Amino acid sequence: MFRDNLVRLRHMADAAREAIAFAEHRRREDLDHDRMLALSLVKCIEIVGEAASQVSDDFCREHPEIPWRHIVGMRHRLIHAYYSVDMDRVWDTITDDLPPLLAALESMIESLIPPPTVKTND
């Protein structure tokens, strides 16, 4: 289970990192005129939410600092209301929510990976 959680956290971090990079030097208004940008950001948020939904319940309880239910809920809204996505909410998620989430995920991932062992020739 540990390995599965680590993989899911990495997926979340990768998608968050991509979304932040895609939005760099862009403005909210760009989503109204650049369909590829809008769709790519929505997809990244969906991936973050889908990966979050696959993290074990025990791990989620151990890390209440991550808003797991809200992340998964955002994914559900995007998937099931695909015809009426609120681009203001997408933009706010990318610019306000993902940067601190990414920082928390990176810290969590780093803490879960054991340091490399150094072999000695004794």
PDB file of N, CA and C in Angstrom:
ATOM      1  N   MET A   1       0.829  -1.198   0.000  1.00  0.00           N
ATOM      2  CA  MET A   1       0.000   0.000   0.000  1.00  0.00           C
ATOM      3  C   MET A   1       0.868   1.254   0.000  1.00  0.00           C
ATOM      4  N   PHE A   2       1.987   1.223   0.724  1.00  0.00           N
ATOM      5  CA  PHE A   2       2.891   2.377   0.777  1.00  0.00           C
ATOM      6  C   PHE A   2       3.310   2.800  -0.621  1.00  0.00           C
ATOM      7  N   ARG A   3       3.703   1.825  -1.428  1.00  0.00           N
ATOM      8  CA  ARG A   3       4.179   2.124  -2.782  1.00  0.00           C
ATOM      9  C   ARG A   3       3.056   2.726  -3.637  1.00  0.00           C
ATOM     10  N   ASP A   4       1.848   2.181  -3.499  1.00  0.00           N
ATOM     11  CA  ASP A   4       0.710   2.719  -4.250  1.00  0.00           C
ATOM     12  C   ASP A   4       0.451   4.179  -3.878  1.00  0.00           C
ATOM     13  N   ASN A   5       0.490   4.480  -2.590  1.00  0.00           N
ATOM     14  CA  ASN A   5       0.278   5.859  -2.150  1.00  0.00           C
ATOM     15  C   ASN A   5       1.361   6.770  -2.702  1.00  0.00           C
ATOM     16  N   LEU A   6       2.580   6.327  -2.665  1.00  0.00           N
ATOM     17  CA  LEU A   6       3.685   7.128  -3.174  1.00  0.00           C
ATOM     18  C   LEU A   6       3.516   7.398  -4.666  1.00  0.00           C
ATOM     19  N   VAL A   7       3.112   6.399  -5.414  1.00  0.00           N
ATOM     20  CA  VAL A   7       2.870   6.568  -6.853  1.00  0.00           C
ATOM     21  C   VAL A   7       1.760   7.591  -7.068  1.00  0.00           C
ATOM     22  N   ARG A   8       0.677   7.493  -6.315  1.00  0.00           N
ATOM     23  CA  ARG A   8      -0.440   8.431  -6.464  1.00  0.00           C
ATOM     24  C   ARG A   8      -0.026   9.850  -6.106  1.00  0.00           C
ATOM     25  N   LEU A   9       0.761   9.995  -5.050  1.00  0.00           N
ATOM     26  CA  LEU A   9       1.244  11.323  -4.672  1.00  0.00           C
ATOM     27  C   LEU A   9       2.124  11.912  -5.771  1.00  0.00           C
ATOM     28  N   ARG A  10       2.929  11.081  -6.377  1.00  0.00           N
ATOM     29  CA  ARG A  10       3.769  11.555  -7.486  1.00  0.00           C
ATOM     30  C   ARG A  10       2.919  11.964  -8.687  1.00  0.00           C
ATOM     31  N   HIS A  11       1.877  11.202  -8.966  1.00  0.00           N
ATOM     32  CA  HIS A  11       0.975  11.575 -10.061  1.00  0.00           C
ATOM     33  C   HIS A  11       0.322  12.928  -9.773  1.00  0.00           C
ATOM     34  N   MET A  12      -0.127  13.104  -8.539  1.00  0.00           N
ATOM     35  CA  MET A  12      -0.734  14.372  -8.151  1.00  0.00           C
ATOM     36  C   MET A  12       0.262  15.518  -8.325  1.00  0.00           C
ATOM     37  N   ALA A  13       1.476  15.320  -7.846  1.00  0.00           N
ATOM     38  CA  ALA A  13       2.492  16.370  -7.928  1.00  0.00           C
ATOM     39  C   ALA A  13       2.848  16.672  -9.380  1.00  0.00           C
ATOM     40  N   ASP A  14       2.993  15.640 -10.190  1.00  0.00           N
ATOM     41  CA  ASP A  14       3.336  15.851 -11.604  1.00  0.00           C
ATOM     42  C   ASP A  14       2.254  16.659 -12.319  1.00  0.00           C
ATOM     43  N   ALA A  15       0.992  16.303 -12.094  1.00  0.00           N
ATOM     44  CA  ALA A  15      -0.105  17.013 -12.765  1.00  0.00           C
ATOM     45  C   ALA A  15      -0.223  18.444 -12.247  1.00  0.00           C
ATOM     46  N   ALA A  16      -0.038  18.638 -10.964  1.00  0.00           N
ATOM     47  CA  ALA A  16      -0.083  19.998 -10.400  1.00  0.00           C
ATOM     48  C   ALA A  16       1.045  20.844 -10.972  1.00  0.00           C
ATOM     49  N   ARG A  17       2.225  20.270 -11.041  1.00  0.00           N
ATOM     50  CA  ARG A  17       3.397  20.978 -11.587  1.00  0.00           C
ATOM     51  C   ARG A  17       3.145  21.373 -13.047  1.00  0.00           C
ATOM     52  N   GLU A  18       2.589  20.460 -13.821  1.00  0.00           N
ATOM     53  CA  GLU A  18       2.283  20.763 -15.224  1.00  0.00           C
ATOM     54  C   GLU A  18       1.261  21.887 -15.341  1.00  0.00           C
ATOM     55  N   ALA A  19       0.203  21.819 -14.552  1.00  0.00           N
ATOM     56  CA  ALA A  19      -0.832  22.852 -14.619  1.00  0.00           C
ATOM     57  C   ALA A  19      -0.252  24.223 -14.287  1.00  0.00           C
ATOM     58  N   ILE A  20       0.555  24.274 -13.259  1.00  0.00           N
ATOM     59  CA  ILE A  20       1.175  25.545 -12.869  1.00  0.00           C
ATOM     60  C   ILE A  20       2.072  26.058 -13.990  1.00  0.00           C
ATOM     61  N   ALA A  21       2.830  25.172 -14.604  1.00  0.00           N
ATOM     62  CA  ALA A  21       3.711  25.569 -15.716  1.00  0.00           C
ATOM     63  C   ALA A  21       2.898  26.039 -16.923  1.00  0.00           C
ATOM     64  N   PHE A  22       1.809  25.346 -17.233  1.00  0.00           N
ATOM     65  CA  PHE A  22       0.971  25.741 -18.376  1.00  0.00           C
ATOM     66  C   PHE A  22       0.385  27.138 -18.170  1.00  0.00           C
ATOM     67  N   ALA A  23       0.065  27.467 -16.927  1.00  0.00           N
ATOM     68  CA  ALA A  23      -0.579  28.752 -16.624  1.00  0.00           C
ATOM     69  C   ALA A  23       0.417  29.899 -16.434  1.00  0.00           C
ATOM     70  N   GLU A  24       1.688  29.552 -16.351  1.00  0.00           N
ATOM     71  CA  GLU A  24       2.698  30.589 -16.137  1.00  0.00           C
ATOM     72  C   GLU A  24       2.668  31.611 -17.279  1.00  0.00           C
ATOM     73  N   HIS A  25       2.738  32.872 -16.915  1.00  0.00           N
ATOM     74  CA  HIS A  25       2.712  33.990 -17.877  1.00  0.00           C
ATOM     75  C   HIS A  25       1.382  34.083 -18.624  1.00  0.00           C
ATOM     76  N   ARG A  26       0.350  33.469 -18.088  1.00  0.00           N
ATOM     77  CA  ARG A  26      -0.980  33.536 -18.700  1.00  0.00           C
ATOM     78  C   ARG A  26      -1.898  34.300 -17.755  1.00  0.00           C
ATOM     79  N   ARG A  27      -3.064  34.646 -18.250  1.00  0.00           N
ATOM     80  CA  ARG A  27      -4.074  35.349 -17.474  1.00  0.00           C
ATOM     81  C   ARG A  27      -5.379  34.562 -17.533  1.00  0.00           C
ATOM     82  N   ARG A  28      -6.252  34.852 -16.612  1.00  0.00           N
ATOM     83  CA  ARG A  28      -7.542  34.159 -16.572  1.00  0.00           C
ATOM     84  C   ARG A  28      -8.273  34.279 -17.911  1.00  0.00           C
ATOM     85  N   GLU A  29      -8.181  35.454 -18.536  1.00  0.00           N
ATOM     86  CA  GLU A  29      -8.873  35.699 -19.803  1.00  0.00           C
ATOM     87  C   GLU A  29      -8.396  34.766 -20.915  1.00  0.00           C
ATOM     88  N   ASP A  30      -7.179  34.292 -20.798  1.00  0.00           N
ATOM     89  CA  ASP A  30      -6.651  33.380 -21.822  1.00  0.00           C
ATOM     90  C   ASP A  30      -7.480  32.102 -21.932  1.00  0.00           C
ATOM     91  N   LEU A  31      -8.101  31.706 -20.847  1.00  0.00           N
ATOM     92  CA  LEU A  31      -8.916  30.486 -20.878  1.00  0.00           C
ATOM     93  C   LEU A  31     -10.130  30.639 -21.786  1.00  0.00           C
ATOM     94  N   ASP A  32     -10.578  31.865 -21.949  1.00  0.00           N
ATOM     95  CA  ASP A  32     -11.745  32.115 -22.800  1.00  0.00           C
ATOM     96  C   ASP A  32     -11.401  32.069 -24.287  1.00  0.00           C
ATOM     97  N   HIS A  33     -10.125  32.234 -24.603  1.00  0.00           N
ATOM     98  CA  HIS A  33      -9.715  32.339 -26.006  1.00  0.00           C
ATOM     99  C   HIS A  33      -8.777  31.224 -26.462  1.00  0.00           C
ATOM    100  N   ASP A  34      -8.304  30.438 -25.514  1.00  0.00           N
ATOM    101  CA  ASP A  34      -7.350  29.375 -25.842  1.00  0.00           C
ATOM    102  C   ASP A  34      -7.912  28.057 -25.308  1.00  0.00           C
ATOM    103  N   ARG A  35      -8.670  27.392 -26.154  1.00  0.00           N
ATOM    104  CA  ARG A  35      -9.341  26.147 -25.744  1.00  0.00           C
ATOM    105  C   ARG A  35      -8.344  25.070 -25.339  1.00  0.00           C
ATOM    106  N   MET A  36      -7.208  25.015 -26.034  1.00  0.00           N
ATOM    107  CA  MET A  36      -6.212  24.009 -25.676  1.00  0.00           C
ATOM    108  C   MET A  36      -5.684  24.240 -24.256  1.00  0.00           C
ATOM    109  N   LEU A  37      -5.436  25.482 -23.911  1.00  0.00           N
ATOM    110  CA  LEU A  37      -4.989  25.801 -22.555  1.00  0.00           C
ATOM    111  C   LEU A  37      -6.060  25.413 -21.544  1.00  0.00           C
ATOM    112  N   ALA A  38      -7.289  25.810 -21.813  1.00  0.00           N
ATOM    113  CA  ALA A  38      -8.378  25.505 -20.884  1.00  0.00           C
ATOM    114  C   ALA A  38      -8.525  23.995 -20.683  1.00  0.00           C
ATOM    115  N   LEU A  39      -8.534  23.258 -21.766  1.00  0.00           N
ATOM    116  CA  LEU A  39      -8.694  21.806 -21.656  1.00  0.00           C
ATOM    117  C   LEU A  39      -7.510  21.151 -20.958  1.00  0.00           C
ATOM    118  N   SER A  40      -6.306  21.638 -21.215  1.00  0.00           N
ATOM    119  CA  SER A  40      -5.138  21.043 -20.564  1.00  0.00           C
ATOM    120  C   SER A  40      -5.168  21.305 -19.059  1.00  0.00           C
ATOM    121  N   LEU A  41      -5.582  22.488 -18.646  1.00  0.00           N
ATOM    122  CA  LEU A  41      -5.661  22.780 -17.214  1.00  0.00           C
ATOM    123  C   LEU A  41      -6.744  21.941 -16.546  1.00  0.00           C
ATOM    124  N   VAL A  42      -7.886  21.813 -17.195  1.00  0.00           N
ATOM    125  CA  VAL A  42      -8.952  20.976 -16.649  1.00  0.00           C
ATOM    126  C   VAL A  42      -8.467  19.532 -16.514  1.00  0.00           C
ATOM    127  N   LYS A  43      -7.792  19.030 -17.517  1.00  0.00           N
ATOM    128  CA  LYS A  43      -7.288  17.650 -17.466  1.00  0.00           C
ATOM    129  C   LYS A  43      -6.308  17.468 -16.318  1.00  0.00           C
ATOM    130  N   CYS A  44      -5.420  18.430 -16.117  1.00  0.00           N
ATOM    131  CA  CYS A  44      -4.463  18.331 -15.011  1.00  0.00           C
ATOM    132  C   CYS A  44      -5.188  18.272 -13.665  1.00  0.00           C
ATOM    133  N   ILE A  45      -6.207  19.107 -13.494  1.00  0.00           N
ATOM    134  CA  ILE A  45      -6.972  19.078 -12.245  1.00  0.00           C
ATOM    135  C   ILE A  45      -7.688  17.736 -12.089  1.00  0.00           C
ATOM    136  N   GLU A  46      -8.210  17.212 -13.175  1.00  0.00           N
ATOM    137  CA  GLU A  46      -8.858  15.894 -13.134  1.00  0.00           C
ATOM    138  C   GLU A  46      -7.868  14.826 -12.679  1.00  0.00           C
ATOM    139  N   ILE A  47      -6.647  14.879 -13.193  1.00  0.00           N
ATOM    140  CA  ILE A  47      -5.625  13.889 -12.813  1.00  0.00           C
ATOM    141  C   ILE A  47      -5.292  14.012 -11.334  1.00  0.00           C
ATOM    142  N   VAL A  48      -5.128  15.249 -10.860  1.00  0.00           N
ATOM    143  CA  VAL A  48      -4.856  15.443  -9.427  1.00  0.00           C
ATOM    144  C   VAL A  48      -5.974  14.805  -8.609  1.00  0.00           C
ATOM    145  N   GLY A  49      -7.217  15.058  -8.995  1.00  0.00           N
ATOM    146  CA  GLY A  49      -8.351  14.513  -8.258  1.00  0.00           C
ATOM    147  C   GLY A  49      -8.481  13.007  -8.350  1.00  0.00           C
ATOM    148  N   GLU A  50      -8.232  12.471  -9.521  1.00  0.00           N
ATOM    149  CA  GLU A  50      -8.321  11.019  -9.685  1.00  0.00           C
ATOM    150  C   GLU A  50      -7.238  10.319  -8.874  1.00  0.00           C
ATOM    151  N   ALA A  51      -6.023  10.840  -8.925  1.00  0.00           N
ATOM    152  CA  ALA A  51      -4.937  10.247  -8.134  1.00  0.00           C
ATOM    153  C   ALA A  51      -5.245  10.360  -6.641  1.00  0.00           C
ATOM    154  N   ALA A  52      -5.785  11.508  -6.224  1.00  0.00           N
ATOM    155  CA  ALA A  52      -6.142  11.687  -4.808  1.00  0.00           C
ATOM    156  C   ALA A  52      -7.188  10.666  -4.375  1.00  0.00           C
ATOM    157  N   SER A  53      -8.110  10.339  -5.261  1.00  0.00           N
ATOM    158  CA  SER A  53      -9.162   9.378  -4.916  1.00  0.00           C
ATOM    159  C   SER A  53      -8.605   7.971  -4.736  1.00  0.00           C
ATOM    160  N   GLN A  54      -7.405   7.719  -5.230  1.00  0.00           N
ATOM    161  CA  GLN A  54      -6.791   6.397  -5.134  1.00  0.00           C
ATOM    162  C   GLN A  54      -5.842   6.262  -3.941  1.00  0.00           C
ATOM    163  N   VAL A  55      -5.605   7.357  -3.231  1.00  0.00           N
ATOM    164  CA  VAL A  55      -4.768   7.304  -2.030  1.00  0.00           C
ATOM    165  C   VAL A  55      -5.568   6.600  -0.936  1.00  0.00           C
ATOM    166  N   SER A  56      -4.910   5.749  -0.179  1.00  0.00           N
ATOM    167  CA  SER A  56      -5.618   4.951   0.827  1.00  0.00           C
ATOM    168  C   SER A  56      -6.268   5.836   1.894  1.00  0.00           C
ATOM    169  N   ASP A  57      -7.384   5.355   2.426  1.00  0.00           N
ATOM    170  CA  ASP A  57      -8.100   6.080   3.481  1.00  0.00           C
ATOM    171  C   ASP A  57      -7.214   6.296   4.700  1.00  0.00           C
ATOM    172  N   ASP A  58      -6.422   5.285   5.045  1.00  0.00           N
ATOM    173  CA  ASP A  58      -5.527   5.416   6.202  1.00  0.00           C
ATOM    174  C   ASP A  58      -4.534   6.555   5.997  1.00  0.00           C
ATOM    175  N   PHE A  59      -3.957   6.629   4.804  1.00  0.00           N
ATOM    176  CA  PHE A  59      -2.990   7.685   4.514  1.00  0.00           C
ATOM    177  C   PHE A  59      -3.668   9.053   4.572  1.00  0.00           C
ATOM    178  N   CYS A  60      -4.864   9.147   4.031  1.00  0.00           N
ATOM    179  CA  CYS A  60      -5.600  10.420   4.067  1.00  0.00           C
ATOM    180  C   CYS A  60      -5.875  10.846   5.503  1.00  0.00           C
ATOM    181  N   ARG A  61      -6.259   9.898   6.350  1.00  0.00           N
ATOM    182  CA  ARG A  61      -6.508  10.226   7.763  1.00  0.00           C
ATOM    183  C   ARG A  61      -5.231  10.673   8.456  1.00  0.00           C
ATOM    184  N   GLU A  62      -4.098  10.099   8.052  1.00  0.00           N
ATOM    185  CA  GLU A  62      -2.812  10.480   8.650  1.00  0.00           C
ATOM    186  C   GLU A  62      -2.339  11.857   8.180  1.00  0.00           C
ATOM    187  N   HIS A  63      -2.931  12.362   7.102  1.00  0.00           N
ATOM    188  CA  HIS A  63      -2.509  13.648   6.530  1.00  0.00           C
ATOM    189  C   HIS A  63      -3.722  14.553   6.310  1.00  0.00           C
ATOM    190  N   PRO A  64      -4.337  14.988   7.403  1.00  0.00           N
ATOM    191  CA  PRO A  64      -5.532  15.838   7.281  1.00  0.00           C
ATOM    192  C   PRO A  64      -5.217  17.247   6.762  1.00  0.00           C
ATOM    193  N   GLU A  65      -3.948  17.592   6.675  1.00  0.00           N
ATOM    194  CA  GLU A  65      -3.577  18.911   6.145  1.00  0.00           C
ATOM    195  C   GLU A  65      -3.855  19.036   4.649  1.00  0.00           C
ATOM    196  N   ILE A  66      -4.053  17.908   3.987  1.00  0.00           N
ATOM    197  CA  ILE A  66      -4.407  17.898   2.564  1.00  0.00           C
ATOM    198  C   ILE A  66      -5.929  17.796   2.464  1.00  0.00           C
ATOM    199  N   PRO A  67      -6.578  18.687   1.723  1.00  0.00           N
ATOM    200  CA  PRO A  67      -8.051  18.631   1.603  1.00  0.00           C
ATOM    201  C   PRO A  67      -8.492  17.560   0.598  1.00  0.00           C
ATOM    202  N   TRP A  68      -8.285  16.307   0.954  1.00  0.00           N
ATOM    203  CA  TRP A  68      -8.525  15.179   0.053  1.00  0.00           C
ATOM    204  C   TRP A  68      -9.925  15.217  -0.556  1.00  0.00           C
ATOM    205  N   ARG A  69     -10.952  15.391   0.284  1.00  0.00           N
ATOM    206  CA  ARG A  69     -12.343  15.361  -0.213  1.00  0.00           C
ATOM    207  C   ARG A  69     -12.617  16.501  -1.193  1.00  0.00           C
ATOM    208  N   HIS A  70     -12.052  17.656  -0.919  1.00  0.00           N
ATOM    209  CA  HIS A  70     -12.262  18.798  -1.826  1.00  0.00           C
ATOM    210  C   HIS A  70     -11.576  18.558  -3.167  1.00  0.00           C
ATOM    211  N   ILE A  71     -10.404  17.960  -3.116  1.00  0.00           N
ATOM    212  CA  ILE A  71      -9.662  17.677  -4.349  1.00  0.00           C
ATOM    213  C   ILE A  71     -10.443  16.678  -5.208  1.00  0.00           C
ATOM    214  N   VAL A  72     -10.902  15.624  -4.584  1.00  0.00           N
ATOM    215  CA  VAL A  72     -11.679  14.616  -5.301  1.00  0.00           C
ATOM    216  C   VAL A  72     -13.008  15.217  -5.779  1.00  0.00           C
ATOM    217  N   GLY A  73     -13.612  16.055  -4.951  1.00  0.00           N
ATOM    218  CA  GLY A  73     -14.874  16.695  -5.326  1.00  0.00           C
ATOM    219  C   GLY A  73     -14.726  17.594  -6.549  1.00  0.00           C
ATOM    220  N   MET A  74     -13.614  18.302  -6.635  1.00  0.00           N
ATOM    221  CA  MET A  74     -13.372  19.143  -7.806  1.00  0.00           C
ATOM    222  C   MET A  74     -13.276  18.277  -9.054  1.00  0.00           C
ATOM    223  N   ARG A  75     -12.601  17.163  -8.950  1.00  0.00           N
ATOM    224  CA  ARG A  75     -12.488  16.230 -10.083  1.00  0.00           C
ATOM    225  C   ARG A  75     -13.869  15.757 -10.518  1.00  0.00           C
ATOM    226  N   HIS A  76     -14.717  15.392  -9.553  1.00  0.00           N
ATOM    227  CA  HIS A  76     -16.072  14.927  -9.876  1.00  0.00           C
ATOM    228  C   HIS A  76     -16.870  16.009 -10.598  1.00  0.00           C
ATOM    229  N   ARG A  77     -16.767  17.246 -10.112  1.00  0.00           N
ATOM    230  CA  ARG A  77     -17.507  18.337 -10.761  1.00  0.00           C
ATOM    231  C   ARG A  77     -17.033  18.537 -12.197  1.00  0.00           C
ATOM    232  N   LEU A  78     -15.727  18.443 -12.415  1.00  0.00           N
ATOM    233  CA  LEU A  78     -15.200  18.631 -13.774  1.00  0.00           C
ATOM    234  C   LEU A  78     -15.627  17.497 -14.704  1.00  0.00           C
ATOM    235  N   ILE A  79     -15.583  16.280 -14.213  1.00  0.00           N
ATOM    236  CA  ILE A  79     -15.930  15.120 -15.037  1.00  0.00           C
ATOM    237  C   ILE A  79     -17.428  15.097 -15.345  1.00  0.00           C
ATOM    238  N   HIS A  80     -18.243  15.320 -14.328  1.00  0.00           N
ATOM    239  CA  HIS A  80     -19.684  15.142 -14.497  1.00  0.00           C
ATOM    240  C   HIS A  80     -20.403  16.385 -15.023  1.00  0.00           C
ATOM    241  N   ALA A  81     -19.762  17.526 -14.909  1.00  0.00           N
ATOM    242  CA  ALA A  81     -20.378  18.758 -15.431  1.00  0.00           C
ATOM    243  C   ALA A  81     -19.481  19.322 -16.524  1.00  0.00           C
ATOM    244  N   TYR A  82     -18.977  18.443 -17.346  1.00  0.00           N
ATOM    245  CA  TYR A  82     -18.014  18.814 -18.385  1.00  0.00           C
ATOM    246  C   TYR A  82     -18.541  19.886 -19.332  1.00  0.00           C
ATOM    247  N   TYR A  83     -19.834  20.001 -19.447  1.00  0.00           N
ATOM    248  CA  TYR A  83     -20.455  20.948 -20.368  1.00  0.00           C
ATOM    249  C   TYR A  83     -20.594  22.351 -19.763  1.00  0.00           C
ATOM    250  N   SER A  84     -20.361  22.474 -18.468  1.00  0.00           N
ATOM    251  CA  SER A  84     -20.509  23.786 -17.831  1.00  0.00           C
ATOM    252  C   SER A  84     -19.404  24.023 -16.799  1.00  0.00           C
ATOM    253  N   VAL A  85     -18.178  23.926 -17.236  1.00  0.00           N
ATOM    254  CA  VAL A  85     -17.040  24.105 -16.339  1.00  0.00           C
ATOM    255  C   VAL A  85     -16.887  25.590 -16.022  1.00  0.00           C
ATOM    256  N   ASP A  86     -16.739  25.893 -14.764  1.00  0.00           N
ATOM    257  CA  ASP A  86     -16.539  27.265 -14.298  1.00  0.00           C
ATOM    258  C   ASP A  86     -15.052  27.597 -14.421  1.00  0.00           C
ATOM    259  N   MET A  87     -14.710  28.333 -15.458  1.00  0.00           N
ATOM    260  CA  MET A  87     -13.304  28.644 -15.719  1.00  0.00           C
ATOM    261  C   MET A  87     -12.698  29.567 -14.662  1.00  0.00           C
ATOM    262  N   ASP A  88     -13.534  30.362 -14.000  1.00  0.00           N
ATOM    263  CA  ASP A  88     -13.013  31.162 -12.884  1.00  0.00           C
ATOM    264  C   ASP A  88     -12.518  30.233 -11.780  1.00  0.00           C
ATOM    265  N   ARG A  89     -13.299  29.195 -11.501  1.00  0.00           N
ATOM    266  CA  ARG A  89     -12.902  28.230 -10.454  1.00  0.00           C
ATOM    267  C   ARG A  89     -11.667  27.450 -10.885  1.00  0.00           C
ATOM    268  N   VAL A  90     -11.586  27.086 -12.146  1.00  0.00           N
ATOM    269  CA  VAL A  90     -10.399  26.393 -12.657  1.00  0.00           C
ATOM    270  C   VAL A  90      -9.177  27.275 -12.452  1.00  0.00           C
ATOM    271  N   TRP A  91      -9.293  28.533 -12.845  1.00  0.00           N
ATOM    272  CA  TRP A  91      -8.152  29.450 -12.718  1.00  0.00           C
ATOM    273  C   TRP A  91      -7.746  29.629 -11.257  1.00  0.00           C
ATOM    274  N   ASP A  92      -8.730  29.801 -10.383  1.00  0.00           N
ATOM    275  CA  ASP A  92      -8.433  29.954  -8.958  1.00  0.00           C
ATOM    276  C   ASP A  92      -7.756  28.702  -8.404  1.00  0.00           C
ATOM    277  N   THR A  93      -8.200  27.556  -8.857  1.00  0.00           N
ATOM    278  CA  THR A  93      -7.576  26.300  -8.413  1.00  0.00           C
ATOM    279  C   THR A  93      -6.118  26.255  -8.836  1.00  0.00           C
ATOM    280  N   ILE A  94      -5.854  26.611 -10.085  1.00  0.00           N
ATOM    281  CA  ILE A  94      -4.484  26.564 -10.617  1.00  0.00           C
ATOM    282  C   ILE A  94      -3.594  27.579  -9.910  1.00  0.00           C
ATOM    283  N   THR A  95      -4.093  28.791  -9.741  1.00  0.00           N
ATOM    284  CA  THR A  95      -3.231  29.858  -9.224  1.00  0.00           C
ATOM    285  C   THR A  95      -3.187  29.933  -7.699  1.00  0.00           C
ATOM    286  N   ASP A  96      -4.269  29.545  -7.026  1.00  0.00           N
ATOM    287  CA  ASP A  96      -4.330  29.691  -5.569  1.00  0.00           C
ATOM    288  C   ASP A  96      -4.142  28.375  -4.818  1.00  0.00           C
ATOM    289  N   ASP A  97      -4.752  27.307  -5.327  1.00  0.00           N
ATOM    290  CA  ASP A  97      -4.773  26.042  -4.588  1.00  0.00           C
ATOM    291  C   ASP A  97      -3.610  25.113  -4.918  1.00  0.00           C
ATOM    292  N   LEU A  98      -3.244  25.050  -6.190  1.00  0.00           N
ATOM    293  CA  LEU A  98      -2.216  24.073  -6.570  1.00  0.00           C
ATOM    294  C   LEU A  98      -0.819  24.389  -6.057  1.00  0.00           C
ATOM    295  N   PRO A  99      -0.367  25.645  -6.040  1.00  0.00           N
ATOM    296  CA  PRO A  99       1.002  25.877  -5.537  1.00  0.00           C
ATOM    297  C   PRO A  99       1.238  25.389  -4.099  1.00  0.00           C
ATOM    298  N   PRO A 100       0.350  25.715  -3.127  1.00  0.00           N
ATOM    299  CA  PRO A 100       0.589  25.166  -1.792  1.00  0.00           C
ATOM    300  C   PRO A 100       0.385  23.648  -1.725  1.00  0.00           C
ATOM    301  N   LEU A 101      -0.541  23.125  -2.524  1.00  0.00           N
ATOM    302  CA  LEU A 101      -0.721  21.673  -2.572  1.00  0.00           C
ATOM    303  C   LEU A 101       0.544  21.008  -3.095  1.00  0.00           C
ATOM    304  N   LEU A 102       1.114  21.553  -4.151  1.00  0.00           N
ATOM    305  CA  LEU A 102       2.336  20.985  -4.712  1.00  0.00           C
ATOM    306  C   LEU A 102       3.461  21.004  -3.684  1.00  0.00           C
ATOM    307  N   ALA A 103       3.612  22.100  -2.967  1.00  0.00           N
ATOM    308  CA  ALA A 103       4.654  22.177  -1.933  1.00  0.00           C
ATOM    309  C   ALA A 103       4.440  21.100  -0.867  1.00  0.00           C
ATOM    310  N   ALA A 104       3.188  20.916  -0.443  1.00  0.00           N
ATOM    311  CA  ALA A 104       2.880  19.892   0.564  1.00  0.00           C
ATOM    312  C   ALA A 104       3.147  18.495   0.026  1.00  0.00           C
ATOM    313  N   LEU A 105       2.768  18.245  -1.225  1.00  0.00           N
ATOM    314  CA  LEU A 105       2.993  16.927  -1.832  1.00  0.00           C
ATOM    315  C   LEU A 105       4.480  16.634  -1.957  1.00  0.00           C
ATOM    316  N   GLU A 106       5.244  17.620  -2.408  1.00  0.00           N
ATOM    317  CA  GLU A 106       6.688  17.409  -2.559  1.00  0.00           C
ATOM    318  C   GLU A 106       7.332  17.104  -1.220  1.00  0.00           C
ATOM    319  N   SER A 107       6.918  17.802  -0.184  1.00  0.00           N
ATOM    320  CA  SER A 107       7.442  17.540   1.158  1.00  0.00           C
ATOM    321  C   SER A 107       7.059  16.135   1.628  1.00  0.00           C
ATOM    322  N   MET A 108       5.811  15.763   1.385  1.00  0.00           N
ATOM    323  CA  MET A 108       5.326  14.441   1.767  1.00  0.00           C
ATOM    324  C   MET A 108       6.094  13.342   1.033  1.00  0.00           C
ATOM    325  N   ILE A 109       6.262  13.524  -0.263  1.00  0.00           N
ATOM    326  CA  ILE A 109       6.976  12.537  -1.076  1.00  0.00           C
ATOM    327  C   ILE A 109       8.403  12.385  -0.576  1.00  0.00           C
ATOM    328  N   GLU A 110       9.054  13.510  -0.324  1.00  0.00           N
ATOM    329  CA  GLU A 110      10.437  13.472   0.159  1.00  0.00           C
ATOM    330  C   GLU A 110      10.537  12.731   1.488  1.00  0.00           C
ATOM    331  N   SER A 111       9.559  12.938   2.356  1.00  0.00           N
ATOM    332  CA  SER A 111       9.598  12.278   3.663  1.00  0.00           C
ATOM    333  C   SER A 111       9.329  10.773   3.563  1.00  0.00           C
ATOM    334  N   LEU A 112       8.661  10.347   2.499  1.00  0.00           N
ATOM    335  CA  LEU A 112       8.338   8.929   2.337  1.00  0.00           C
ATOM    336  C   LEU A 112       9.452   8.124   1.682  1.00  0.00           C
ATOM    337  N   ILE A 113      10.357   8.818   1.015  1.00  0.00           N
ATOM    338  CA  ILE A 113      11.438   8.120   0.314  1.00  0.00           C
ATOM    339  C   ILE A 113      12.616   7.977   1.262  1.00  0.00           C
ATOM    340  N   PRO A 114      13.000   6.753   1.553  1.00  0.00           N
ATOM    341  CA  PRO A 114      14.135   6.569   2.465  1.00  0.00           C
ATOM    342  C   PRO A 114      15.423   7.091   1.822  1.00  0.00           C
ATOM    343  N   PRO A 115      16.305   7.640   2.655  1.00  0.00           N
ATOM    344  CA  PRO A 115      17.569   8.126   2.092  1.00  0.00           C
ATOM    345  C   PRO A 115      18.378   6.958   1.540  1.00  0.00           C
ATOM    346  N   PRO A 116      19.182   7.217   0.511  1.00  0.00           N
ATOM    347  CA  PRO A 116      19.988   6.117  -0.047  1.00  0.00           C
ATOM    348  C   PRO A 116      20.999   5.630   0.985  1.00  0.00           C
ATOM    349  N   THR A 117      21.200   4.343   0.955  1.00  0.00           N
ATOM    350  CA  THR A 117      22.184   3.776   1.864  1.00  0.00           C
ATOM    351  C   THR A 117      23.543   3.771   1.182  1.00  0.00           C
ATOM    352  N   VAL A 118      24.531   4.043   1.977  1.00  0.00           N
ATOM    353  CA  VAL A 118      25.897   4.072   1.463  1.00  0.00           C
ATOM    354  C   VAL A 118      26.569   2.777   1.897  1.00  0.00           C
ATOM    355  N   LYS A 119      27.071   2.037   0.923  1.00  0.00           N
ATOM    356  CA  LYS A 119      27.759   0.793   1.235  1.00  0.00           C
ATOM    357  C   LYS A 119      29.211   1.105   1.538  1.00  0.00           C
ATOM    358  N   THR A 120      29.686   0.459   2.558  1.00  0.00           N
ATOM    359  CA  THR A 120      31.108   0.607   2.893  1.00  0.00           C
ATOM    360  C   THR A 120      31.815  -0.697   2.585  1.00  0.00           C
ATOM    361  N   ASN A 121      33.058  -0.596   2.341  1.00  0.00           N
ATOM    362  CA  ASN A 121      33.850  -1.785   2.011  1.00  0.00           C
ATOM    363  C   ASN A 121      34.593  -2.286   3.235  1.00  0.00           C
ATOM    364  N   ASP A 122      33.904  -2.385   4.347  1.00  0.00           N
ATOM    365  CA  ASP A 122      34.539  -2.876   5.577  1.00  0.00           C
ATOM    366  C   ASP A 122      34.590  -4.361   5.609  1.00  0.00           C
TER     367      ASP A 122
END
